[in-house]
């Protein structure tokens, strides 16, 4: 129980950290982690970090779709990352930032950044933020934009290196993908697919690549559909597990 509590309270711990928090030797912690994984209470991430599953979260109230989607997304991200090779990030909206919840930077041969999990990114300057914003219901979108205007001012909300915000959001909906060609990080470009639940995005899965290695149109043509398909699979699994939890 101490091991389970440690992981549940500090989502994303390594075995050595669990051992210290639970007050047990590292070999014991590792055996217990594997046992809890086998019982369905924990899942091991691509960085050898341990996270609680839906089964653990169902032991208490108050868990959210954002908590569920990270667990469901990891296997799909690893599979897709090995296919596309470029790194992938799973981002969620939190406190008017896009927070990176999971990443395959550590297993990508073309990774441009490491240690990304937990980092907050600007909503309007990133592909994930634009995908999230474009697919929000109108009332939620207005609320988010109102908060961003209060923080940044109208000019930084309405105009960007990739064009006016209205144009960016309209093109995002047309492509089915958020995008970033210029700005924020001049070395890279990115595209992002929303993961939908009950007609609203709960997270987005983003592919990042070095701009000099692949043109934007080529990335859309060769990788866009695979990214959208992975987001759809994650959304479908999320819907299934949500329904099962509601029925139990």
C-alpha atoms as a PDB file:
ATOM      1  CA  UNK A   1       0.000   0.000   0.000  1.00  0.00           C
ATOM      2  CA  UNK A   2       2.885   2.391   0.716  1.00  0.00           C
ATOM      3  CA  UNK A   3       4.282   1.771  -2.766  1.00  0.00           C
ATOM      4  CA  UNK A   4       0.863   2.320  -4.350  1.00  0.00           C
ATOM      5  CA  UNK A   5       0.310   5.500  -2.332  1.00  0.00           C
ATOM      6  CA  UNK A   6       3.722   6.866  -3.341  1.00  0.00           C
ATOM      7  CA  UNK A   7       3.012   6.440  -7.049  1.00  0.00           C
ATOM      8  CA  UNK A   8      -0.540   7.741  -6.718  1.00  0.00           C
ATOM      9  CA  UNK A   9       0.603  10.890  -4.908  1.00  0.00           C
ATOM     10  CA  UNK A  10       3.677  11.592  -7.050  1.00  0.00           C
ATOM     11  CA  UNK A  11       2.611  10.543 -10.549  1.00  0.00           C
ATOM     12  CA  UNK A  12       5.637   9.515 -12.667  1.00  0.00           C
ATOM     13  CA  UNK A  13       8.207   8.137 -10.179  1.00  0.00           C
ATOM     14  CA  UNK A  14      11.142   5.852 -10.889  1.00  0.00           C
ATOM     15  CA  UNK A  15      11.685   2.702  -8.805  1.00  0.00           C
ATOM     16  CA  UNK A  16      14.453   4.298  -6.713  1.00  0.00           C
ATOM     17  CA  UNK A  17      12.190   7.235  -5.854  1.00  0.00           C
ATOM     18  CA  UNK A  18       9.343   4.891  -4.928  1.00  0.00           C
ATOM     19  CA  UNK A  19      11.682   2.917  -2.657  1.00  0.00           C
ATOM     20  CA  UNK A  20      12.743   6.067  -0.827  1.00  0.00           C
ATOM     21  CA  UNK A  21       9.198   7.371  -0.360  1.00  0.00           C
ATOM     22  CA  UNK A  22       7.795   3.989   0.678  1.00  0.00           C
ATOM     23  CA  UNK A  23      10.708   3.227   3.005  1.00  0.00           C
ATOM     24  CA  UNK A  24      11.591  -0.127   1.453  1.00  0.00           C
ATOM     25  CA  UNK A  25      14.739  -1.448  -0.272  1.00  0.00           C
ATOM     26  CA  UNK A  26      14.923  -0.783  -3.994  1.00  0.00           C
ATOM     27  CA  UNK A  27      14.726  -4.501  -4.998  1.00  0.00           C
ATOM     28  CA  UNK A  28      11.600  -4.852  -2.854  1.00  0.00           C
ATOM     29  CA  UNK A  29      10.064  -1.736  -4.383  1.00  0.00           C
ATOM     30  CA  UNK A  30      10.792  -3.019  -7.879  1.00  0.00           C
ATOM     31  CA  UNK A  31       9.175  -6.400  -7.156  1.00  0.00           C
ATOM     32  CA  UNK A  32       6.117  -4.707  -5.673  1.00  0.00           C
ATOM     33  CA  UNK A  33       5.856  -2.330  -8.629  1.00  0.00           C
ATOM     34  CA  UNK A  34       5.909  -5.255 -11.043  1.00  0.00           C
ATOM     35  CA  UNK A  35       3.296  -7.072  -8.942  1.00  0.00           C
ATOM     36  CA  UNK A  36       1.023  -4.016  -8.954  1.00  0.00           C
ATOM     37  CA  UNK A  37       1.585  -3.698 -12.700  1.00  0.00           C
ATOM     38  CA  UNK A  38       0.509  -7.311 -13.148  1.00  0.00           C
ATOM     39  CA  UNK A  39      -2.616  -6.660 -11.081  1.00  0.00           C
ATOM     40  CA  UNK A  40      -3.500  -3.669 -13.246  1.00  0.00           C
ATOM     41  CA  UNK A  41      -2.915  -0.956 -10.641  1.00  0.00           C
ATOM     42  CA  UNK A  42       0.209   0.602 -12.181  1.00  0.00           C
ATOM     43  CA  UNK A  43       1.626   1.144 -15.657  1.00  0.00           C
ATOM     44  CA  UNK A  44       5.283   1.577 -16.608  1.00  0.00           C
ATOM     45  CA  UNK A  45       6.030   4.493 -18.941  1.00  0.00           C
ATOM     46  CA  UNK A  46       8.621   4.657 -21.722  1.00  0.00           C
ATOM     47  CA  UNK A  47      11.073   6.402 -19.348  1.00  0.00           C
ATOM     48  CA  UNK A  48      10.795   3.613 -16.731  1.00  0.00           C
ATOM     49  CA  UNK A  49       8.538   5.873 -14.684  1.00  0.00           C
ATOM     50  CA  UNK A  50       5.541   4.404 -12.889  1.00  0.00           C
ATOM     51  CA  UNK A  51       2.025   5.838 -12.979  1.00  0.00           C
ATOM     52  CA  UNK A  52      -1.346   4.841 -11.495  1.00  0.00           C
ATOM     53  CA  UNK A  53      -3.921   3.254 -13.794  1.00  0.00           C
ATOM     54  CA  UNK A  54      -7.655   3.819 -13.980  1.00  0.00           C
ATOM     55  CA  UNK A  55      -8.053   0.901 -11.603  1.00  0.00           C
ATOM     56  CA  UNK A  56      -6.033   2.740  -8.956  1.00  0.00           C
ATOM     57  CA  UNK A  57      -7.791   6.040  -9.606  1.00  0.00           C
ATOM     58  CA  UNK A  58     -11.170   4.331  -9.314  1.00  0.00           C
ATOM     59  CA  UNK A  59     -10.340   3.632  -5.658  1.00  0.00           C
ATOM     60  CA  UNK A  60     -10.995   7.305  -4.973  1.00  0.00           C
ATOM     61  CA  UNK A  61     -13.311   9.949  -6.324  1.00  0.00           C
ATOM     62  CA  UNK A  62     -12.482  12.971  -8.409  1.00  0.00           C
ATOM     63  CA  UNK A  63     -10.436  11.505 -11.245  1.00  0.00           C
ATOM     64  CA  UNK A  64     -10.807  13.172 -14.631  1.00  0.00           C
ATOM     65  CA  UNK A  65     -10.526  12.391 -18.323  1.00  0.00           C
ATOM     66  CA  UNK A  66      -7.165  14.198 -18.361  1.00  0.00           C
ATOM     67  CA  UNK A  67      -5.856  11.646 -15.846  1.00  0.00           C
ATOM     68  CA  UNK A  68      -7.180   8.706 -17.823  1.00  0.00           C
ATOM     69  CA  UNK A  69      -5.935   9.758 -21.224  1.00  0.00           C
ATOM     70  CA  UNK A  70      -2.251   9.761 -20.256  1.00  0.00           C
ATOM     71  CA  UNK A  71      -2.403   6.095 -19.263  1.00  0.00           C
ATOM     72  CA  UNK A  72      -4.265   5.121 -22.425  1.00  0.00           C
ATOM     73  CA  UNK A  73      -2.046   7.211 -24.691  1.00  0.00           C
ATOM     74  CA  UNK A  74       1.364   5.833 -23.719  1.00  0.00           C
ATOM     75  CA  UNK A  75       1.162   2.511 -25.613  1.00  0.00           C
ATOM     76  CA  UNK A  76      -0.190   4.254 -28.723  1.00  0.00           C
ATOM     77  CA  UNK A  77       2.493   6.943 -28.495  1.00  0.00           C
ATOM     78  CA  UNK A  78       5.277   4.389 -28.215  1.00  0.00           C
ATOM     79  CA  UNK A  79       3.886   2.418 -31.161  1.00  0.00           C
ATOM     80  CA  UNK A  80       3.423   5.516 -33.316  1.00  0.00           C
ATOM     81  CA  UNK A  81       6.768   6.968 -32.251  1.00  0.00           C
ATOM     82  CA  UNK A  82       8.582   3.873 -33.471  1.00  0.00           C
ATOM     83  CA  UNK A  83       6.746   4.169 -36.782  1.00  0.00           C
ATOM     84  CA  UNK A  84       7.273   7.898 -37.352  1.00  0.00           C
ATOM     85  CA  UNK A  85      10.649   8.155 -35.540  1.00  0.00           C
ATOM     86  CA  UNK A  86      10.089  11.843 -34.744  1.00  0.00           C
ATOM     87  CA  UNK A  87       9.297  12.597 -31.071  1.00  0.00           C
ATOM     88  CA  UNK A  88       5.722  12.875 -29.815  1.00  0.00           C
ATOM     89  CA  UNK A  89       4.287  14.831 -26.878  1.00  0.00           C
ATOM     90  CA  UNK A  90       0.934  14.399 -25.150  1.00  0.00           C
ATOM     91  CA  UNK A  91      -0.279  17.805 -23.957  1.00  0.00           C
ATOM     92  CA  UNK A  92      -3.245  18.899 -21.844  1.00  0.00           C
ATOM     93  CA  UNK A  93      -4.619  22.368 -21.078  1.00  0.00           C
ATOM     94  CA  UNK A  94      -3.907  23.496 -17.535  1.00  0.00           C
ATOM     95  CA  UNK A  95      -3.782  27.000 -16.045  1.00  0.00           C
ATOM     96  CA  UNK A  96      -3.774  28.646 -19.479  1.00  0.00           C
ATOM     97  CA  UNK A  97      -0.758  26.603 -20.604  1.00  0.00           C
ATOM     98  CA  UNK A  98      -0.350  23.359 -22.520  1.00  0.00           C
ATOM     99  CA  UNK A  99       1.317  20.956 -20.095  1.00  0.00           C
ATOM    100  CA  UNK A 100       3.347  18.041 -21.464  1.00  0.00           C
ATOM    101  CA  UNK A 101       2.037  14.922 -19.713  1.00  0.00           C
ATOM    102  CA  UNK A 102       3.889  12.247 -21.689  1.00  0.00           C
ATOM    103  CA  UNK A 103       6.655  12.249 -24.294  1.00  0.00           C
ATOM    104  CA  UNK A 104       8.633   9.867 -26.501  1.00  0.00           C
ATOM    105  CA  UNK A 105      11.674  12.146 -26.718  1.00  0.00           C
ATOM    106  CA  UNK A 106      13.707   9.590 -24.771  1.00  0.00           C
ATOM    107  CA  UNK A 107      13.113   6.836 -27.358  1.00  0.00           C
ATOM    108  CA  UNK A 108      13.180   8.931 -30.533  1.00  0.00           C
ATOM    109  CA  UNK A 109      16.391   8.855 -32.606  1.00  0.00           C
ATOM    110  CA  UNK A 110      15.565  12.376 -33.782  1.00  0.00           C
ATOM    111  CA  UNK A 111      14.751  13.950 -30.430  1.00  0.00           C
ATOM    112  CA  UNK A 112      15.551  17.646 -30.227  1.00  0.00           C
ATOM    113  CA  UNK A 113      14.751  18.134 -26.525  1.00  0.00           C
ATOM    114  CA  UNK A 114      14.804  15.952 -23.420  1.00  0.00           C
ATOM    115  CA  UNK A 115      13.189  16.282 -20.019  1.00  0.00           C
ATOM    116  CA  UNK A 116      10.011  17.710 -21.506  1.00  0.00           C
ATOM    117  CA  UNK A 117       7.413  16.047 -19.242  1.00  0.00           C
ATOM    118  CA  UNK A 118       5.848  18.593 -16.912  1.00  0.00           C
ATOM    119  CA  UNK A 119       6.891  21.594 -18.981  1.00  0.00           C
ATOM    120  CA  UNK A 120       4.250  24.249 -19.710  1.00  0.00           C
ATOM    121  CA  UNK A 121       4.023  25.583 -23.271  1.00  0.00           C
ATOM    122  CA  UNK A 122       2.173  28.640 -24.614  1.00  0.00           C
ATOM    123  CA  UNK A 123      -1.290  27.843 -25.947  1.00  0.00           C
ATOM    124  CA  UNK A 124      -1.307  30.135 -28.959  1.00  0.00           C
ATOM    125  CA  UNK A 125       2.247  29.489 -30.167  1.00  0.00           C
ATOM    126  CA  UNK A 126       2.142  25.683 -30.249  1.00  0.00           C
ATOM    127  CA  UNK A 127       0.447  23.131 -32.476  1.00  0.00           C
ATOM    128  CA  UNK A 128      -1.098  21.379 -29.472  1.00  0.00           C
ATOM    129  CA  UNK A 129      -2.526  24.593 -28.077  1.00  0.00           C
ATOM    130  CA  UNK A 130      -3.992  25.541 -31.430  1.00  0.00           C
ATOM    131  CA  UNK A 131      -5.542  22.082 -31.894  1.00  0.00           C
ATOM    132  CA  UNK A 132      -7.039  22.283 -28.405  1.00  0.00           C
ATOM    133  CA  UNK A 133      -8.415  25.774 -28.925  1.00  0.00           C
ATOM    134  CA  UNK A 134      -9.811  25.084 -32.410  1.00  0.00           C
ATOM    135  CA  UNK A 135     -11.928  22.153 -31.226  1.00  0.00           C
ATOM    136  CA  UNK A 136     -13.213  23.620 -27.972  1.00  0.00           C
ATOM    137  CA  UNK A 137     -16.947  24.368 -27.744  1.00  0.00           C
ATOM    138  CA  UNK A 138     -17.576  28.058 -28.454  1.00  0.00           C
ATOM    139  CA  UNK A 139     -18.278  29.056 -24.854  1.00  0.00           C
ATOM    140  CA  UNK A 140     -15.113  27.368 -23.557  1.00  0.00           C
ATOM    141  CA  UNK A 141     -13.047  28.857 -26.364  1.00  0.00           C
ATOM    142  CA  UNK A 142     -14.303  32.340 -25.478  1.00  0.00           C
ATOM    143  CA  UNK A 143     -13.387  31.772 -21.823  1.00  0.00           C
ATOM    144  CA  UNK A 144      -9.849  30.633 -22.687  1.00  0.00           C
ATOM    145  CA  UNK A 145      -9.292  33.527 -25.084  1.00  0.00           C
ATOM    146  CA  UNK A 146     -10.601  35.983 -22.504  1.00  0.00           C
ATOM    147  CA  UNK A 147      -8.042  34.694 -19.997  1.00  0.00           C
ATOM    148  CA  UNK A 148      -5.233  34.827 -22.551  1.00  0.00           C
ATOM    149  CA  UNK A 149      -6.170  38.377 -23.561  1.00  0.00           C
ATOM    150  CA  UNK A 150      -6.041  39.447 -19.925  1.00  0.00           C
ATOM    151  CA  UNK A 151      -2.558  37.946 -19.624  1.00  0.00           C
ATOM    152  CA  UNK A 152      -1.028  38.775 -23.018  1.00  0.00           C
ATOM    153  CA  UNK A 153      -3.032  41.628 -24.523  1.00  0.00           C
ATOM    154  CA  UNK A 154      -5.073  41.604 -27.729  1.00  0.00           C
ATOM    155  CA  UNK A 155      -2.164  41.912 -30.178  1.00  0.00           C
ATOM    156  CA  UNK A 156      -0.349  38.805 -28.883  1.00  0.00           C
ATOM    157  CA  UNK A 157      -3.588  36.822 -29.037  1.00  0.00           C
ATOM    158  CA  UNK A 158      -4.784  37.897 -32.469  1.00  0.00           C
ATOM    159  CA  UNK A 159      -1.548  37.937 -34.523  1.00  0.00           C
ATOM    160  CA  UNK A 160       1.200  35.311 -34.871  1.00  0.00           C
ATOM    161  CA  UNK A 161       4.074  34.376 -37.166  1.00  0.00           C
ATOM    162  CA  UNK A 162       1.815  31.788 -38.835  1.00  0.00           C
ATOM    163  CA  UNK A 163      -0.922  34.367 -39.441  1.00  0.00           C
ATOM    164  CA  UNK A 164      -3.970  35.839 -37.687  1.00  0.00           C
ATOM    165  CA  UNK A 165      -5.510  33.629 -35.006  1.00  0.00           C
ATOM    166  CA  UNK A 166      -8.809  33.262 -36.899  1.00  0.00           C
ATOM    167  CA  UNK A 167      -6.911  31.983 -39.950  1.00  0.00           C
ATOM    168  CA  UNK A 168      -4.849  29.567 -37.835  1.00  0.00           C
ATOM    169  CA  UNK A 169      -7.917  28.090 -36.131  1.00  0.00           C
ATOM    170  CA  UNK A 170      -9.856  27.809 -39.393  1.00  0.00           C
ATOM    171  CA  UNK A 171      -6.923  26.059 -41.090  1.00  0.00           C
ATOM    172  CA  UNK A 172      -6.532  23.777 -38.072  1.00  0.00           C
ATOM    173  CA  UNK A 173     -10.154  22.651 -38.381  1.00  0.00           C
ATOM    174  CA  UNK A 174      -9.744  22.186 -42.138  1.00  0.00           C
ATOM    175  CA  UNK A 175      -6.607  20.046 -41.715  1.00  0.00           C
ATOM    176  CA  UNK A 176      -7.907  18.253 -38.639  1.00  0.00           C
ATOM    177  CA  UNK A 177      -4.532  19.121 -37.099  1.00  0.00           C
ATOM    178  CA  UNK A 178      -3.074  21.988 -35.159  1.00  0.00           C
ATOM    179  CA  UNK A 179       0.140  23.268 -36.691  1.00  0.00           C
ATOM    180  CA  UNK A 180       3.168  25.440 -36.065  1.00  0.00           C
ATOM    181  CA  UNK A 181       5.402  26.383 -38.990  1.00  0.00           C
ATOM    182  CA  UNK A 182       7.119  29.511 -37.652  1.00  0.00           C
ATOM    183  CA  UNK A 183       7.635  31.093 -34.259  1.00  0.00           C
ATOM    184  CA  UNK A 184       8.253  29.711 -30.748  1.00  0.00           C
ATOM    185  CA  UNK A 185      11.106  27.383 -31.799  1.00  0.00           C
ATOM    186  CA  UNK A 186      12.605  28.348 -35.136  1.00  0.00           C
ATOM    187  CA  UNK A 187      14.463  25.026 -35.496  1.00  0.00           C
ATOM    188  CA  UNK A 188      11.360  22.882 -35.456  1.00  0.00           C
ATOM    189  CA  UNK A 189       7.839  22.542 -36.809  1.00  0.00           C
ATOM    190  CA  UNK A 190       4.962  20.566 -35.334  1.00  0.00           C
ATOM    191  CA  UNK A 191       1.501  19.179 -35.991  1.00  0.00           C
ATOM    192  CA  UNK A 192      -0.993  18.044 -33.367  1.00  0.00           C
ATOM    193  CA  UNK A 193      -4.175  15.960 -33.344  1.00  0.00           C
ATOM    194  CA  UNK A 194      -6.903  16.531 -30.736  1.00  0.00           C
ATOM    195  CA  UNK A 195      -8.077  13.616 -28.590  1.00  0.00           C
ATOM    196  CA  UNK A 196     -11.816  14.106 -28.218  1.00  0.00           C
ATOM    197  CA  UNK A 197     -14.199  13.066 -25.438  1.00  0.00           C
ATOM    198  CA  UNK A 198     -17.864  14.084 -25.448  1.00  0.00           C
ATOM    199  CA  UNK A 199     -17.301  16.556 -28.288  1.00  0.00           C
ATOM    200  CA  UNK A 200     -14.431  18.417 -26.636  1.00  0.00           C
ATOM    201  CA  UNK A 201     -10.644  17.923 -26.623  1.00  0.00           C
ATOM    202  CA  UNK A 202      -9.166  16.457 -23.449  1.00  0.00           C
ATOM    203  CA  UNK A 203      -5.592  16.284 -24.769  1.00  0.00           C
ATOM    204  CA  UNK A 204      -3.593  16.555 -27.985  1.00  0.00           C
ATOM    205  CA  UNK A 205      -0.827  14.388 -29.422  1.00  0.00           C
ATOM    206  CA  UNK A 206       1.913  16.396 -31.118  1.00  0.00           C
ATOM    207  CA  UNK A 207       4.706  15.396 -33.508  1.00  0.00           C
ATOM    208  CA  UNK A 208       7.787  17.632 -33.553  1.00  0.00           C
ATOM    209  CA  UNK A 209      10.421  17.580 -36.291  1.00  0.00           C
ATOM    210  CA  UNK A 210      13.439  19.569 -37.412  1.00  0.00           C
ATOM    211  CA  UNK A 211      12.222  22.018 -40.018  1.00  0.00           C
ATOM    212  CA  UNK A 212      15.241  21.644 -42.284  1.00  0.00           C
ATOM    213  CA  UNK A 213      14.706  17.868 -42.502  1.00  0.00           C
ATOM    214  CA  UNK A 214      11.122  17.875 -43.781  1.00  0.00           C
ATOM    215  CA  UNK A 215       8.835  20.475 -45.315  1.00  0.00           C
ATOM    216  CA  UNK A 216       5.505  21.182 -43.659  1.00  0.00           C
ATOM    217  CA  UNK A 217       3.426  19.912 -46.590  1.00  0.00           C
ATOM    218  CA  UNK A 218       5.409  16.650 -46.635  1.00  0.00           C
ATOM    219  CA  UNK A 219       4.817  16.121 -42.915  1.00  0.00           C
ATOM    220  CA  UNK A 220       1.082  16.614 -43.376  1.00  0.00           C
ATOM    221  CA  UNK A 221       1.026  14.238 -46.339  1.00  0.00           C
ATOM    222  CA  UNK A 222       3.156  11.455 -44.849  1.00  0.00           C
ATOM    223  CA  UNK A 223       2.388  11.629 -41.113  1.00  0.00           C
ATOM    224  CA  UNK A 224      -0.845  13.582 -40.632  1.00  0.00           C
ATOM    225  CA  UNK A 225      -3.267  10.696 -41.051  1.00  0.00           C
ATOM    226  CA  UNK A 226      -1.266   8.400 -38.759  1.00  0.00           C
ATOM    227  CA  UNK A 227      -1.306  11.067 -36.052  1.00  0.00           C
ATOM    228  CA  UNK A 228      -5.069  11.554 -36.395  1.00  0.00           C
ATOM    229  CA  UNK A 229      -5.628   7.790 -36.370  1.00  0.00           C
ATOM    230  CA  UNK A 230      -3.664   7.413 -33.128  1.00  0.00           C
ATOM    231  CA  UNK A 231      -5.679  10.231 -31.534  1.00  0.00           C
ATOM    232  CA  UNK A 232      -8.867   8.474 -32.642  1.00  0.00           C
ATOM    233  CA  UNK A 233      -7.762   5.158 -31.128  1.00  0.00           C
ATOM    234  CA  UNK A 234      -6.939   6.843 -27.829  1.00  0.00           C
ATOM    235  CA  UNK A 235     -10.301   8.648 -27.857  1.00  0.00           C
ATOM    236  CA  UNK A 236     -12.126   5.388 -28.554  1.00  0.00           C
ATOM    237  CA  UNK A 237     -10.399   3.583 -25.692  1.00  0.00           C
ATOM    238  CA  UNK A 238     -11.089   6.524 -23.398  1.00  0.00           C
ATOM    239  CA  UNK A 239     -14.798   6.410 -24.293  1.00  0.00           C
ATOM    240  CA  UNK A 240     -14.927   2.660 -23.651  1.00  0.00           C
ATOM    241  CA  UNK A 241     -13.250   2.886 -20.261  1.00  0.00           C
ATOM    242  CA  UNK A 242     -15.364   5.880 -19.261  1.00  0.00           C
ATOM    243  CA  UNK A 243     -18.517   3.928 -20.093  1.00  0.00           C
ATOM    244  CA  UNK A 244     -17.304   0.885 -18.167  1.00  0.00           C
ATOM    245  CA  UNK A 245     -16.472   2.988 -15.127  1.00  0.00           C
ATOM    246  CA  UNK A 246     -19.868   4.714 -15.231  1.00  0.00           C
ATOM    247  CA  UNK A 247     -21.647   1.366 -15.420  1.00  0.00           C
ATOM    248  CA  UNK A 248     -19.731  -0.211 -12.539  1.00  0.00           C
END
